[in-house]
Every structure is written in structure tokens, then in C-alpha cells.
Amino acid sequence: MRITIDSAGRLVIPKALRDAVGIVPGGSVEATLRDGRIELEVPPAEVRLERRGQVWVAEPEAATPPLRTADVQATLDALRSER
């Protein structure tokens, strides 16, 4: 997928790509130069552990978008295929 660069040098990442990897407005990405390529990676969410009754729960430090059914299903499928 081709990405354009505006006159200020900003990259415009297509919505389909942003949605696929969870890039949200105001979010951040890590940029790395590797073998002549610029690689962008969404960093993991900052979380804190909270005890709720007898279990520990990871709570995100910042608001996160809700999980989509397709994402949950893809994760379940990937985990099942590893077994």
C-alpha cells in the first residue's frame, strides 16, 4: 500500500492499516530504521496490575478502544492453531 507524505513531511497512513494494527488518534508508534527500511510498530499498552478479589487484572493506564469481535476471533484462532 502506498503512503503519501504531505508538504510538512507527515505520513498519511491509510485507515485500513490504522484499523488493522490499532493506531488511534493521539496514539503513538515506534519507528525503527532497519536495512534501509522504516519500520513502524505500535507499542504495547501501558498497564498496571490491580487485585480484584482473588485475581489480578491488568488495567490500561490510558483509555483503549473496545475489542472488536473480529480481533478476538483472530486471537482465538491463532492460539488454537498453535496447539
Foldseek 3Di string as FASTA:
>chain_A
DDWDADPVRDTDDDPVVCVVQVPDVVADWDWDQDPNDIDTHRDDFDWDWDDDPPDIDTDGPDDGDDDDPVVVVVVVVVVVVVD
